[in-house]
Amino acid sequence: MLRVADLSKDYPTPRGPLRVLSGVSFDLAPGDAAAVMGPSGSGKSSLLYILGTLEPPSSGTVTLDGRNPFELGAAALAVFRNRCIGFVFQDHCLLPQCTVLENVLVPTLVAPDGERNTARASESRARELIDRVGLTDRIDHRPGELSGGERQRAAIARALVRAPRLLLCDEPTGNLDRATAQDVASLLLDVHRLQKTVLVVVTHSAALAEQFPTRFDLTDTRLTRTGR
């Protein structure tokens, strides 16, 4: 369960604190999928970074399965993030020198010793995910040899390789043409349902948001549920 309670975020400026989030509260259970829409500069990315533990809130709490990650020290927080949260970014952020398989395996390489699977088990899961996202025939290709949609498919597999409880996506179809964006969106939702993650996507795309059972609008620092 992802639980967000009375979350606020301020950034310091020469003229005083700039508030981008105010009193944000919602709950999402495993298997839930939510899209967050809003104008540029509305705080969508700030919300995603807080959910992903990349930034702390100014006030309020975020808990995942009853744990507040912001109560952890830096090392423990990094372990929590690696184990419990998967990220898919607009620009995929794949390592250009690595193959699809190597890119998908990256999160397993930085896992703490006590949480690492054997190399064989990690590779087996990576290959399974690569097959699930339709990249088996591209498994030895590097990002420069892939289309935009294929790179995002690889990024989705990488985000899921540690079986995270929370999957966060920042404009995952923003750089794709309409047909490819539809394919990637359908894949993302299909894989999410199989993995039973909590899925949160921030997007400008109404077409993408409409595919999500739960929808929010972020305007004037406040989050409003607009669907379900």
Protein backbone atom coordinates (compact mmCIF):
# COMPACT_ATOMS: atom_id res chain seq x y z
CA MET A 1 0.00 0.00 0.00
CA LEU A 2 1.25 3.45 -0.96
CA ARG A 3 -0.11 6.04 1.45
CA VAL A 4 0.45 9.78 0.99
CA ALA A 5 -0.81 12.00 3.81
CA ASP A 6 -0.99 15.81 3.79
CA LEU A 7 2.12 16.13 1.63
CA SER A 8 3.55 19.58 0.92
CA LYS A 9 6.69 20.71 -0.88
CA ASP A 10 8.41 24.12 -0.84
CA TYR A 11 11.53 25.24 -2.68
CA PRO A 12 13.65 28.13 -1.39
CA THR A 13 13.83 31.23 -3.62
CA PRO A 14 15.27 34.75 -3.07
CA ARG A 15 11.71 35.93 -2.44
CA GLY A 16 10.90 33.23 0.04
CA PRO A 17 9.58 29.65 -0.17
CA LEU A 18 7.88 28.62 -3.40
CA ARG A 19 5.15 26.08 -2.72
CA VAL A 20 4.52 23.49 -5.43
CA LEU A 21 2.49 20.92 -3.48
CA SER A 22 -0.11 21.51 -0.76
CA GLY A 23 -1.98 18.94 1.32
CA VAL A 24 -1.65 16.07 -1.14
CA SER A 25 -3.27 12.88 0.18
CA PHE A 26 -4.18 9.57 -1.49
CA ASP A 27 -3.88 5.81 -1.07
CA LEU A 28 -3.06 3.22 -3.74
CA ALA A 29 -3.13 -0.53 -3.17
CA PRO A 30 -1.07 -3.20 -4.98
CA GLY A 31 -2.49 -3.55 -8.48
CA ASP A 32 -3.73 0.05 -8.60
CA ALA A 33 -2.65 2.29 -11.48
CA ALA A 34 -2.92 6.09 -11.38
CA ALA A 35 -2.15 8.85 -13.88
CA VAL A 36 -1.32 12.37 -12.75
CA MET A 37 -1.94 15.23 -15.18
CA GLY A 38 -1.35 18.94 -14.88
CA PRO A 39 0.21 21.91 -16.67
CA SER A 40 3.97 22.35 -16.95
CA GLY A 41 5.44 23.57 -13.68
CA SER A 42 2.49 22.31 -11.65
CA GLY A 43 4.62 20.04 -9.46
CA LYS A 44 4.05 16.68 -11.16
CA SER A 45 7.72 15.80 -11.30
CA SER A 46 8.24 17.01 -7.72
CA LEU A 47 5.50 14.66 -6.58
CA LEU A 48 7.09 11.78 -8.48
CA TYR A 49 10.53 12.50 -7.05
CA ILE A 50 9.12 12.52 -3.52
CA LEU A 51 7.28 9.24 -4.08
CA GLY A 52 10.54 7.84 -5.43
CA THR A 53 12.46 9.10 -2.36
CA LEU A 54 14.71 11.25 -4.55
CA GLU A 55 13.51 14.39 -2.72
CA PRO A 56 12.13 14.78 0.82
CA PRO A 57 8.76 16.44 1.41
CA SER A 58 8.62 19.73 3.29
CA SER A 59 5.82 18.27 5.41
CA GLY A 60 3.48 15.30 5.43
CA THR A 61 4.33 11.63 5.07
CA VAL A 62 4.81 8.95 2.43
CA THR A 63 4.67 5.31 3.46
CA LEU A 64 5.08 2.18 1.37
CA ASP A 65 3.85 -1.01 3.01
CA GLY A 66 3.81 0.84 6.33
CA ARG A 67 7.41 2.11 6.11
CA ASN A 68 8.35 5.77 5.93
CA PRO A 69 11.54 5.80 3.84
CA PHE A 70 12.41 9.34 4.90
CA GLU A 71 13.08 8.08 8.41
CA LEU A 72 15.98 6.00 7.07
CA GLY A 73 19.62 7.03 6.88
CA ALA A 74 21.22 7.66 3.49
CA ALA A 75 22.60 4.13 3.02
CA ALA A 76 19.40 2.41 4.14
CA LEU A 77 17.34 4.76 1.95
CA ALA A 78 19.40 3.79 -1.11
CA VAL A 79 18.78 0.11 -0.34
CA PHE A 80 15.04 0.78 0.09
CA ARG A 81 14.87 2.64 -3.22
CA ASN A 82 16.72 -0.09 -5.10
CA ARG A 83 14.58 -2.85 -3.63
CA CYS A 84 11.12 -1.28 -3.54
CA ILE A 85 10.89 1.33 -6.32
CA GLY A 86 11.26 1.09 -10.09
CA PHE A 87 11.64 4.11 -12.39
CA VAL A 88 10.86 4.66 -16.07
CA PHE A 89 11.99 8.04 -17.41
CA GLN A 90 11.00 9.93 -20.55
CA ASP A 91 14.52 9.61 -22.00
CA HIS A 92 14.88 5.94 -20.92
CA CYS A 93 18.36 6.60 -19.40
CA LEU A 94 19.87 3.37 -20.73
CA LEU A 95 23.65 2.97 -20.65
CA PRO A 96 24.76 3.38 -24.29
CA GLN A 97 27.72 1.01 -23.99
CA CYS A 98 25.62 -1.86 -22.59
CA THR A 99 23.35 -4.37 -24.31
CA VAL A 100 19.65 -4.66 -23.52
CA LEU A 101 20.37 -7.57 -21.18
CA GLU A 102 23.16 -5.70 -19.40
CA ASN A 103 20.99 -2.61 -18.99
CA VAL A 104 18.14 -4.62 -17.50
CA LEU A 105 20.55 -6.25 -15.06
CA VAL A 106 22.03 -2.96 -13.77
CA PRO A 107 19.72 -2.63 -10.70
CA THR A 108 20.67 -6.14 -9.57
CA LEU A 109 24.37 -5.24 -9.61
CA VAL A 110 24.00 -2.47 -7.04
CA ALA A 111 21.75 -4.43 -4.69
CA PRO A 112 23.31 -5.07 -1.25
CA ASP A 113 25.04 -8.42 -0.85
CA GLY A 114 22.34 -9.80 1.41
CA GLU A 115 19.64 -9.11 -1.19
CA ARG A 116 21.41 -10.22 -4.35
CA ASN A 117 20.17 -13.26 -6.20
CA THR A 118 22.72 -15.48 -7.82
CA ALA A 119 23.93 -14.19 -11.16
CA ARG A 120 22.07 -17.04 -12.84
CA ALA A 121 18.76 -16.21 -11.10
CA SER A 122 19.10 -12.50 -11.90
CA GLU A 123 19.85 -13.20 -15.54
CA SER A 124 16.94 -15.63 -15.76
CA ARG A 125 14.52 -12.98 -14.47
CA ALA A 126 16.00 -10.35 -16.78
CA ARG A 127 15.59 -12.63 -19.79
CA GLU A 128 12.00 -13.40 -18.78
CA LEU A 129 11.17 -9.68 -18.59
CA ILE A 130 12.93 -8.95 -21.87
CA ASP A 131 10.83 -11.65 -23.51
CA ARG A 132 7.68 -10.24 -21.90
CA VAL A 133 8.34 -6.77 -23.32
CA GLY A 134 9.01 -8.22 -26.76
CA LEU A 135 12.76 -7.68 -27.05
CA THR A 136 14.12 -11.23 -27.15
CA ASP A 137 15.52 -10.70 -30.65
CA ARG A 138 17.17 -7.44 -29.49
CA ILE A 139 18.69 -8.79 -26.28
CA ASP A 140 22.29 -8.31 -27.45
CA HIS A 141 21.68 -4.93 -29.09
CA ARG A 142 22.84 -1.63 -27.62
CA PRO A 143 20.48 1.37 -27.21
CA GLY A 144 21.83 3.07 -30.34
CA GLU A 145 20.62 0.08 -32.36
CA LEU A 146 17.05 0.27 -30.98
CA SER A 147 14.04 2.36 -31.90
CA GLY A 148 12.55 4.78 -29.36
CA GLY A 149 9.80 2.36 -28.47
CA GLU A 150 12.26 -0.49 -28.04
CA ARG A 151 14.40 1.61 -25.71
CA GLN A 152 11.36 2.34 -23.54
CA ARG A 153 10.50 -1.36 -23.51
CA ALA A 154 14.00 -2.08 -22.23
CA ALA A 155 13.59 0.63 -19.60
CA ILE A 156 10.34 -0.97 -18.40
CA ALA A 157 12.05 -4.34 -18.06
CA ARG A 158 14.92 -2.74 -16.13
CA ALA A 159 12.47 -1.00 -13.78
CA LEU A 160 10.80 -4.33 -12.97
CA VAL A 161 13.84 -6.57 -12.60
CA ARG A 162 13.97 -6.18 -8.80
CA ALA A 163 10.21 -6.82 -8.52
CA PRO A 164 9.52 -3.40 -6.95
CA ARG A 165 6.37 -2.64 -5.02
CA LEU A 166 6.08 0.83 -6.60
CA LEU A 167 6.61 1.66 -10.29
CA LEU A 168 6.98 5.35 -11.18
CA CYS A 169 6.95 6.69 -14.74
CA ASP A 170 7.80 10.24 -15.80
CA GLU A 171 6.27 10.98 -19.23
CA PRO A 172 7.08 7.44 -20.46
CA THR A 173 5.57 8.07 -23.91
CA GLY A 174 6.52 11.74 -24.25
CA ASN A 175 9.21 11.21 -26.90
CA LEU A 176 7.33 8.62 -28.95
CA ASP A 177 5.05 8.88 -31.98
CA ARG A 178 1.37 8.20 -31.44
CA ALA A 179 1.32 4.55 -32.52
CA THR A 180 4.48 3.65 -30.58
CA ALA A 181 3.22 5.53 -27.53
CA GLN A 182 0.04 3.45 -27.60
CA ASP A 183 2.05 0.23 -27.80
CA VAL A 184 4.30 1.23 -24.90
CA ALA A 185 1.34 2.36 -22.78
CA SER A 186 -0.49 -0.93 -23.34
CA LEU A 187 2.65 -2.88 -22.50
CA LEU A 188 3.24 -0.86 -19.33
CA LEU A 189 -0.27 -1.51 -18.06
CA ASP A 190 -0.21 -5.20 -19.02
CA VAL A 191 3.11 -5.87 -17.27
CA HIS A 192 1.98 -3.84 -14.26
CA ARG A 193 -1.12 -6.01 -13.88
CA LEU A 194 0.98 -9.18 -13.96
CA GLN A 195 3.49 -7.82 -11.42
CA LYS A 196 0.78 -6.39 -9.08
CA THR A 197 2.78 -3.23 -8.49
CA VAL A 198 1.45 0.18 -7.51
CA LEU A 199 1.84 2.20 -10.71
CA VAL A 200 1.98 6.01 -10.85
CA VAL A 201 2.52 7.85 -14.14
CA VAL A 202 2.83 11.60 -14.64
CA THR A 203 1.96 12.71 -18.15
CA HIS A 204 0.76 15.54 -20.39
CA SER A 205 -1.00 13.00 -22.61
CA ALA A 206 -4.76 12.79 -22.15
CA ALA A 207 -4.76 9.68 -24.35
CA LEU A 208 -2.38 7.94 -21.96
CA ALA A 209 -4.18 9.13 -18.83
CA GLU A 210 -7.54 7.90 -20.08
CA GLN A 211 -6.23 4.33 -20.02
CA PHE A 212 -5.73 4.48 -16.26
CA PRO A 213 -8.55 3.54 -13.88
CA THR A 214 -7.46 6.19 -11.38
CA ARG A 215 -6.71 9.74 -12.53
CA PHE A 216 -5.60 12.88 -10.74
CA ASP A 217 -5.20 16.49 -11.81
CA LEU A 218 -2.50 18.63 -10.19
CA THR A 219 -3.30 22.34 -10.42
CA ASP A 220 -2.43 25.28 -8.15
CA THR A 221 -0.39 22.98 -5.85
CA ARG A 222 -3.37 20.70 -5.10
CA LEU A 223 -4.15 17.20 -6.29
CA THR A 224 -7.74 16.39 -7.26
CA ARG A 225 -9.08 12.96 -8.17
CA THR A 226 -10.81 13.13 -11.57
CA GLY A 227 -11.39 9.45 -12.31
CA ARG A 228 -12.73 6.64 -10.10
